[in-house]
Protein backbone atom coordinates (compact mmCIF):
# COMPACT_ATOMS: atom_id res chain seq x y z
CA MET A 1 -9.42 99.18 3.22
CA LYS A 2 -6.37 99.61 1.05
CA LYS A 3 -7.05 99.82 -2.69
CA ILE A 4 -7.05 96.37 -4.30
CA GLU A 5 -4.50 95.89 -7.07
CA MET A 6 -3.96 92.99 -9.44
CA VAL A 7 -0.29 93.23 -8.42
CA ASP A 8 0.98 95.55 -5.68
CA LEU A 9 4.61 96.18 -6.57
CA VAL A 10 4.86 99.38 -4.56
CA THR A 11 4.09 97.75 -1.20
CA GLN A 12 6.37 94.85 -2.06
CA TYR A 13 9.19 97.30 -2.82
CA HIS A 14 8.75 99.23 0.42
CA LYS A 15 9.25 96.05 2.45
CA ILE A 16 12.68 95.47 0.91
CA GLU A 17 13.47 99.07 -0.02
CA HIS A 18 16.76 99.31 1.85
CA GLU A 19 18.13 96.10 0.31
CA ILE A 20 17.03 97.09 -3.19
CA ASN A 21 18.47 100.58 -2.90
CA ALA A 22 21.75 99.30 -1.52
CA SER A 23 22.08 96.84 -4.40
CA ILE A 24 21.28 99.54 -6.96
CA ASN A 25 23.72 101.98 -5.36
CA GLU A 26 26.46 99.39 -5.56
CA VAL A 27 25.98 99.31 -9.33
CA LEU A 28 25.85 103.09 -9.58
CA ARG A 29 29.11 103.38 -7.70
CA SER A 30 30.75 100.78 -9.94
CA GLY A 31 29.74 102.38 -13.25
CA ALA A 32 29.39 98.90 -14.79
CA TYR A 33 25.88 99.21 -16.20
CA ILE A 34 26.20 96.49 -18.85
CA GLN A 35 27.37 92.97 -17.95
CA GLY A 36 28.47 94.09 -14.49
CA LYS A 37 29.18 91.88 -11.50
CA SER A 38 25.52 91.66 -10.43
CA VAL A 39 24.59 90.00 -13.73
CA ARG A 40 27.05 87.17 -13.19
CA GLU A 41 26.05 86.83 -9.55
CA PHE A 42 22.34 86.72 -10.31
CA GLU A 43 22.84 84.16 -13.08
CA GLU A 44 24.72 81.91 -10.69
CA HIS A 45 22.15 82.27 -7.91
CA LEU A 46 19.26 81.55 -10.28
CA ARG A 47 21.14 78.61 -11.80
CA ILE A 48 21.50 77.07 -8.35
CA TYR A 49 17.86 77.80 -7.50
CA THR A 50 16.52 76.05 -10.63
CA GLY A 51 19.04 73.23 -10.62
CA ALA A 52 19.96 73.93 -14.24
CA THR A 53 23.56 73.54 -15.37
CA HIS A 54 23.58 76.92 -17.09
CA CYS A 55 21.62 80.16 -16.71
CA ILE A 56 22.08 82.95 -19.27
CA THR A 57 20.19 86.20 -18.85
CA CYS A 58 18.83 88.35 -21.67
CA ALA A 59 16.69 91.43 -22.27
CA ASN A 60 13.21 89.88 -21.95
CA GLY A 61 11.25 86.65 -22.15
CA THR A 62 10.33 87.05 -25.81
CA ASP A 63 13.99 87.43 -26.75
CA ALA A 64 14.69 84.32 -24.69
CA LEU A 65 12.27 82.33 -26.84
CA GLN A 66 13.82 83.64 -30.05
CA ILE A 67 17.35 82.98 -28.85
CA ALA A 68 16.36 79.43 -27.88
CA MET A 69 15.03 78.72 -31.37
CA MET A 70 18.13 80.22 -32.97
CA ALA A 71 20.44 78.19 -30.71
CA LEU A 72 18.64 74.99 -31.70
CA GLY A 73 19.15 75.80 -35.38
CA LEU A 74 15.50 76.13 -36.28
CA ASN A 75 15.00 77.56 -39.78
CA PRO A 76 12.25 79.17 -41.87
CA GLY A 77 9.75 76.50 -42.88
CA ASP A 78 10.34 74.37 -39.80
CA GLU A 79 7.35 73.70 -37.54
CA ILE A 80 6.99 73.95 -33.81
CA ILE A 81 4.05 72.78 -31.70
CA VAL A 82 2.72 75.36 -29.24
CA PRO A 83 -0.51 75.70 -27.24
CA SER A 84 -3.00 78.21 -28.62
CA PHE A 85 -4.24 79.22 -25.17
CA THR A 86 -1.30 81.28 -23.98
CA TYR A 87 0.35 84.67 -24.39
CA ILE A 88 1.24 85.63 -27.94
CA ALA A 89 5.02 85.69 -27.37
CA THR A 90 5.35 81.91 -27.54
CA ALA A 91 4.14 81.81 -31.15
CA GLU A 92 5.37 85.28 -32.06
CA ALA A 93 9.02 84.44 -31.49
CA ALA A 94 8.67 81.56 -33.96
CA ALA A 95 6.76 83.55 -36.58
CA VAL A 96 9.38 86.32 -36.57
CA LEU A 97 11.98 83.71 -37.57
CA GLY A 98 9.78 82.27 -40.32
CA ILE A 99 9.04 79.16 -38.27
CA LYS A 100 5.47 77.85 -38.50
CA PRO A 101 3.53 77.59 -35.24
CA VAL A 102 1.29 74.53 -35.15
CA PHE A 103 -1.30 75.04 -32.46
CA ALA A 104 -2.14 72.37 -29.92
CA GLU A 105 -5.18 72.02 -27.70
CA VAL A 106 -4.96 72.41 -23.93
CA SER A 107 -6.38 70.51 -21.00
CA PRO A 108 -9.70 71.94 -19.76
CA ALA A 109 -8.57 71.15 -16.20
CA THR A 110 -5.04 72.58 -15.96
CA PHE A 111 -5.09 74.84 -19.06
CA ASN A 112 -1.69 73.43 -20.06
CA ILE A 113 -0.89 71.73 -23.36
CA ASP A 114 -2.79 68.46 -23.84
CA THR A 115 -0.09 65.84 -24.34
CA HIS A 116 -2.59 63.36 -25.76
CA GLY A 117 -2.99 65.37 -28.96
CA ILE A 118 0.64 66.21 -29.64
CA SER A 119 1.61 63.11 -31.65
CA SER A 120 -1.10 63.75 -34.25
CA LEU A 121 0.40 67.18 -34.97
CA ILE A 122 3.92 65.95 -35.71
CA THR A 123 5.05 66.04 -39.34
CA GLU A 124 8.39 65.66 -41.07
CA LYS A 125 8.84 69.43 -40.65
CA THR A 126 8.28 69.42 -36.88
CA LYS A 127 11.42 70.34 -34.99
CA ALA A 128 10.32 71.30 -31.48
CA ILE A 129 7.55 71.37 -28.89
CA ILE A 130 7.07 74.38 -26.63
CA PRO A 131 5.03 73.59 -23.52
CA VAL A 132 3.92 76.67 -21.59
CA HIS A 133 3.68 76.32 -17.81
CA LEU A 134 0.58 78.48 -17.70
CA TYR A 135 -0.58 80.47 -14.68
CA GLY A 136 2.06 78.93 -12.44
CA GLN A 137 2.08 75.14 -12.72
CA CYS A 138 4.07 72.83 -14.95
CA ALA A 139 2.72 71.20 -18.07
CA ASP A 140 2.77 67.39 -17.97
CA MET A 141 6.43 67.09 -18.89
CA GLU A 142 7.10 63.36 -18.57
CA PRO A 143 4.90 62.17 -21.46
CA LEU A 144 5.85 65.25 -23.46
CA LEU A 145 9.56 64.55 -23.08
CA ASN A 146 8.94 60.93 -24.08
CA ILE A 147 7.11 62.01 -27.23
CA ALA A 148 9.91 64.41 -28.09
CA LYS A 149 12.55 61.73 -27.61
CA GLN A 150 10.58 59.24 -29.70
CA HIS A 151 10.34 61.67 -32.62
CA GLY A 152 13.72 63.35 -32.25
CA LEU A 153 12.29 66.75 -31.31
CA TYR A 154 13.60 69.54 -29.15
CA VAL A 155 11.69 70.79 -26.10
CA ILE A 156 11.72 74.48 -25.18
CA GLU A 157 10.03 75.12 -21.84
CA ASP A 158 8.22 78.43 -21.55
CA ALA A 159 8.40 78.93 -17.80
CA ALA A 160 7.73 82.67 -17.86
CA GLN A 161 4.75 82.26 -15.51
CA ALA A 162 6.05 79.41 -13.37
CA ILE A 163 9.50 80.21 -12.01
CA GLY A 164 9.81 78.25 -8.77
CA ALA A 165 7.27 75.56 -9.64
CA SER A 166 8.37 71.92 -9.38
CA TYR A 167 7.45 68.90 -11.49
CA ILE A 168 7.41 65.41 -10.00
CA PHE A 169 8.28 62.53 -12.35
CA SER A 170 6.78 59.06 -11.89
CA ASN A 171 10.06 57.79 -10.38
CA GLY A 172 9.95 60.48 -7.71
CA THR A 173 12.53 62.78 -9.32
CA VAL A 174 11.72 66.46 -8.84
CA ALA A 175 12.78 69.21 -11.24
CA LYS A 176 12.16 72.95 -11.36
CA ALA A 177 10.22 74.56 -14.17
CA GLY A 178 12.58 75.51 -16.98
CA SER A 179 15.21 72.88 -16.19
CA MET A 180 13.73 69.82 -17.93
CA GLY A 181 13.77 70.55 -21.66
CA ASP A 182 16.65 71.18 -24.03
CA ILE A 183 16.23 74.86 -23.20
CA GLY A 184 13.99 76.61 -20.69
CA ILE A 185 13.11 80.29 -20.66
CA THR A 186 11.61 82.74 -18.22
CA SER A 187 10.63 86.40 -18.01
CA PHE A 188 11.29 88.99 -15.32
CA PHE A 189 8.48 91.30 -16.38
CA PRO A 190 7.56 93.34 -13.26
CA SER A 191 4.31 91.50 -12.54
CA LYS A 192 5.94 88.06 -12.59
CA ASN A 193 6.51 86.21 -9.32
CA LEU A 194 10.18 87.09 -9.77
CA GLY A 195 9.98 90.43 -11.51
CA CYS A 196 12.45 93.26 -12.03
CA TYR A 197 11.71 96.99 -12.38
CA GLY A 198 11.84 96.96 -16.17
CA ASP A 199 12.32 94.14 -18.64
CA GLY A 200 14.43 91.03 -18.35
CA GLY A 201 14.60 87.35 -19.20
CA ALA A 202 16.74 84.24 -18.92
CA LEU A 203 17.44 80.91 -20.55
CA PHE A 204 18.34 77.61 -18.87
CA THR A 205 20.02 74.55 -20.32
CA ASN A 206 21.92 71.49 -19.15
CA ASN A 207 23.84 71.28 -22.45
CA ASP A 208 27.29 72.92 -22.52
CA ASP A 209 27.29 73.43 -26.30
CA LEU A 210 23.84 75.02 -26.26
CA ALA A 211 24.88 77.30 -23.42
CA LYS A 212 27.82 78.53 -25.47
CA LYS A 213 25.59 79.20 -28.48
CA ILE A 214 22.99 81.00 -26.36
CA LYS A 215 25.63 83.30 -24.88
CA MET A 216 27.01 84.11 -28.32
CA ILE A 217 23.64 84.70 -29.95
CA ALA A 218 22.53 87.04 -27.17
CA ASN A 219 25.78 89.00 -27.65
CA HIS A 220 25.78 89.71 -31.40
CA GLY A 221 26.98 86.20 -32.25
CA GLN A 222 30.40 86.78 -30.74
CA GLU A 223 32.47 84.90 -28.22
CA ARG A 224 35.42 87.27 -28.63
CA LYS A 225 34.71 90.96 -29.05
CA TYR A 226 34.40 92.10 -32.68
CA TYR A 227 34.70 88.53 -34.01
CA HIS A 228 31.23 87.33 -34.99
CA ASP A 229 31.01 83.60 -35.66
CA MET A 230 27.24 83.37 -36.02
CA ILE A 231 24.21 85.56 -36.58
CA GLY A 232 23.16 86.98 -33.25
CA ILE A 233 21.12 89.71 -31.62
CA ASN A 234 21.70 92.25 -28.86
CA SER A 235 19.81 91.02 -25.81
CA ARG A 236 21.24 91.70 -22.38
CA LEU A 237 19.91 92.02 -18.85
CA ASP A 238 21.32 95.30 -17.61
CA THR A 239 23.25 95.36 -14.37
CA LEU A 240 20.71 97.48 -12.48
CA GLN A 241 17.94 94.97 -13.16
CA ALA A 242 20.23 92.09 -12.16
CA ALA A 243 20.98 93.89 -8.90
CA ILE A 244 17.26 94.17 -8.19
CA LEU A 245 16.59 90.55 -9.12
CA LYS A 246 19.49 89.33 -7.00
CA VAL A 247 17.72 90.72 -3.95
CA LYS A 248 14.23 89.61 -4.96
CA LEU A 249 15.35 86.05 -5.67
CA THR A 250 16.07 85.62 -1.95
CA TYR A 251 12.37 86.37 -1.31
CA LEU A 252 10.92 84.30 -4.15
CA ASP A 253 9.87 81.32 -2.04
CA SER A 254 8.18 83.58 0.50
CA TYR A 255 6.36 85.37 -2.34
CA ILE A 256 5.22 81.99 -3.67
CA ASN A 257 3.98 80.92 -0.23
CA ALA A 258 2.04 84.17 0.13
CA ARG A 259 0.38 83.58 -3.24
CA LYS A 260 -0.47 80.01 -2.21
CA ASN A 261 -2.15 81.36 0.91
CA VAL A 262 -4.26 83.72 -1.21
CA ALA A 263 -5.24 80.82 -3.45
CA GLN A 264 -6.25 78.69 -0.47
CA TYR A 265 -8.39 81.54 0.85
CA TYR A 266 -10.20 81.81 -2.46
CA ASP A 267 -10.63 78.03 -2.66
CA LYS A 268 -12.39 77.89 0.70
CA ALA A 269 -14.48 80.99 0.07
CA PHE A 270 -15.90 79.70 -3.20
CA VAL A 271 -16.95 76.26 -1.95
CA GLU A 272 -20.54 77.45 -1.48
CA ILE A 273 -20.75 78.62 -5.11
CA ALA A 274 -18.82 75.71 -6.60
CA GLU A 275 -21.60 75.04 -9.10
CA ASN A 276 -20.91 78.41 -10.68
CA VAL A 277 -17.25 79.09 -9.99
CA LYS A 278 -14.67 76.46 -10.86
CA THR A 279 -11.48 77.08 -8.91
CA PRO A 280 -8.04 76.21 -10.32
CA VAL A 281 -7.20 72.52 -10.59
CA ARG A 282 -3.85 71.50 -9.13
CA ALA A 283 -2.04 68.88 -11.17
CA GLU A 284 -0.94 65.89 -9.08
CA ASN A 285 2.56 66.00 -10.57
CA SER A 286 3.28 69.73 -10.24
CA THR A 287 3.36 72.37 -7.58
CA HIS A 288 1.54 75.62 -8.33
CA VAL A 289 3.15 79.04 -7.74
CA PHE A 290 -0.03 80.96 -8.68
CA HIS A 291 1.24 83.62 -11.01
CA GLN A 292 -2.49 83.89 -11.66
CA TYR A 293 -5.55 82.63 -9.81
CA THR A 294 -7.88 81.91 -12.70
CA ILE A 295 -11.44 80.75 -12.22
CA ARG A 296 -13.81 79.31 -14.81
CA LEU A 297 -17.39 80.46 -14.81
CA ASN A 298 -20.17 78.03 -15.47
CA GLY A 299 -23.69 78.85 -16.65
CA MET A 300 -23.22 82.61 -16.78
CA GLU A 301 -21.69 85.41 -18.79
CA ARG A 302 -18.11 86.02 -17.62
CA ASP A 303 -18.16 89.66 -18.63
CA ASN A 304 -21.14 90.43 -16.39
CA LEU A 305 -19.22 89.36 -13.29
CA LYS A 306 -16.16 91.28 -14.45
CA ILE A 307 -18.21 94.48 -14.82
CA PHE A 308 -19.88 93.93 -11.43
CA LEU A 309 -16.52 93.54 -9.71
CA GLU A 310 -15.05 96.59 -11.44
CA LYS A 311 -18.01 98.66 -10.20
CA ASN A 312 -17.05 97.49 -6.72
CA ASN A 313 -13.40 98.50 -7.19
CA ILE A 314 -12.13 94.96 -7.70
CA PRO A 315 -9.83 94.63 -10.71
CA THR A 316 -9.83 91.45 -12.77
CA MET A 317 -8.15 90.34 -15.98
CA VAL A 318 -8.97 87.96 -18.81
CA TYR A 319 -5.90 85.91 -19.72
CA TYR A 320 -6.65 85.45 -22.65
CA PRO A 321 -9.70 86.77 -24.54
CA LEU A 322 -8.79 85.23 -27.92
CA PRO A 323 -6.70 82.13 -28.63
CA ILE A 324 -3.65 82.61 -30.83
CA HIS A 325 -4.99 80.49 -33.69
CA LEU A 326 -7.86 82.98 -34.15
CA GLN A 327 -5.73 86.13 -33.86
CA LYS A 328 -5.74 88.29 -37.00
CA ALA A 329 -1.96 88.17 -37.29
CA TYR A 330 -2.09 84.37 -37.69
CA THR A 331 -4.89 84.03 -40.23
CA TYR A 332 -2.23 83.05 -42.78
CA LEU A 333 -2.03 79.68 -41.05
CA GLY A 334 -5.61 78.84 -42.05
CA TYR A 335 -7.16 78.09 -38.68
CA LYS A 336 -10.86 78.73 -38.13
CA GLU A 337 -13.26 78.89 -35.23
CA GLY A 338 -14.03 75.41 -33.93
CA ASP A 339 -10.58 73.98 -34.64
CA LEU A 340 -9.53 74.09 -30.96
CA PRO A 341 -12.80 74.13 -29.00
CA VAL A 342 -11.29 73.84 -25.51
CA SER A 343 -9.00 76.84 -26.03
CA GLU A 344 -11.84 78.82 -27.58
CA GLN A 345 -14.20 78.02 -24.70
CA LEU A 346 -11.62 78.92 -22.08
CA CYS A 347 -11.18 82.35 -23.65
CA LYS A 348 -14.90 82.93 -23.08
CA THR A 349 -15.07 81.66 -19.51
CA VAL A 350 -11.82 82.35 -17.61
CA LEU A 351 -11.32 85.25 -15.22
CA SER A 352 -8.21 85.99 -13.18
CA LEU A 353 -8.65 87.50 -9.72
CA PRO A 354 -6.18 89.70 -7.82
CA ILE A 355 -3.35 87.65 -6.39
CA HIS A 356 0.02 88.80 -5.12
CA SER A 357 2.30 88.61 -2.12
CA GLU A 358 0.94 91.72 -0.39
CA MET A 359 -2.78 90.91 -0.12
CA ASN A 360 -4.44 90.97 3.30
CA ASP A 361 -7.47 89.22 4.76
CA GLU A 362 -9.61 92.34 4.59
CA GLN A 363 -9.10 92.59 0.84
CA LEU A 364 -9.61 88.88 0.29
CA SER A 365 -12.79 88.84 2.38
CA TYR A 366 -14.19 91.78 0.42
CA ILE A 367 -13.43 90.13 -2.95
CA ALA A 368 -14.99 86.84 -1.90
CA GLU A 369 -18.05 88.53 -0.43
CA LYS A 370 -18.67 90.49 -3.61
CA ILE A 371 -18.39 87.45 -5.85
CA ILE A 372 -20.78 85.51 -3.62
CA GLU A 373 -23.07 88.56 -3.54
CA TYR A 374 -23.15 88.61 -7.33
CA TYR A 375 -24.50 85.07 -7.41
CA THR A 376 -27.00 85.84 -4.69
CA LEU A 377 -28.32 88.71 -6.79
CA GLU A 378 -28.42 86.47 -9.84
CA TYR A 379 -30.55 83.89 -8.02
CA GLU A 380 -32.95 86.57 -6.78
CA ARG A 381 -33.64 87.95 -10.23
């Protein structure tokens, strides 16, 4: 059996090697390594794919978050509402700008921000809400957008883990992750469903004025070279990465379907141990692109299973072992253990299993058998 990887980028590359190499060689022959033709082409293709009016690429997903906050005019002392159960970048980008993250609880079912608790967190200093489409499915955007409109707040969608996912509004309208808020962002980190071979990110907006600001901020605050009209940063997707992404975007839907098939395999395999292993809940109003397949463990120590699987050459990951509100870097905000019990409990019970577009039935069968075997051993003790 082929070695099991959390993400098998090498096998994925070999399947499209000729297309990738041809696209890279085109850039090498052009000599346009910064803001070359492939950047503009990829932006346009991704804009069409998401349905957004504008797509602006940048150096990485964290930069995209920072650029979004700068474009919206958020200032030191302002507050933004973010989930605590997510990757650090969502809060980090705010903290770097002197903006105060206010941490929201998440749903124990979908792991996405709990819209029911958002209104109680809004103060006169609140300027924006950042829902994170965690693990591959959209947060509940309709009520969140309504709350934001009611209170005059911006919405920045963190779609770094959910590119390609769709949200279904109550009137039947369908929108892609990242295209619903004032600004959406994504990441092209290599392990993402749409990943490059380095770092990269993008922002989406349907607002022409915001698009102009985003482009300027990402390019040193200039619209015309050497004339700087606003404070900006240097954050660009290089042409080689755009050339790679341009090819991989054509395969994104097939990658998503492959991940869905892996998820369905796991779902069926774990039916007999459903009392112990809670499989991912699919929201009724969102598709799931399964950036991660994350189970919750009931009535047992998560780390024991993780160790058992590692001994059997099955990698796993804990996304995330500590919620942001309890991270040392954010103690200045005054949060304490018990403030967000759902987020804290999830950090103790979640475990992500291998899932990617190159998995085969032999690997999946082995993983499922070993997890079931673990519980069999537990019962026999």
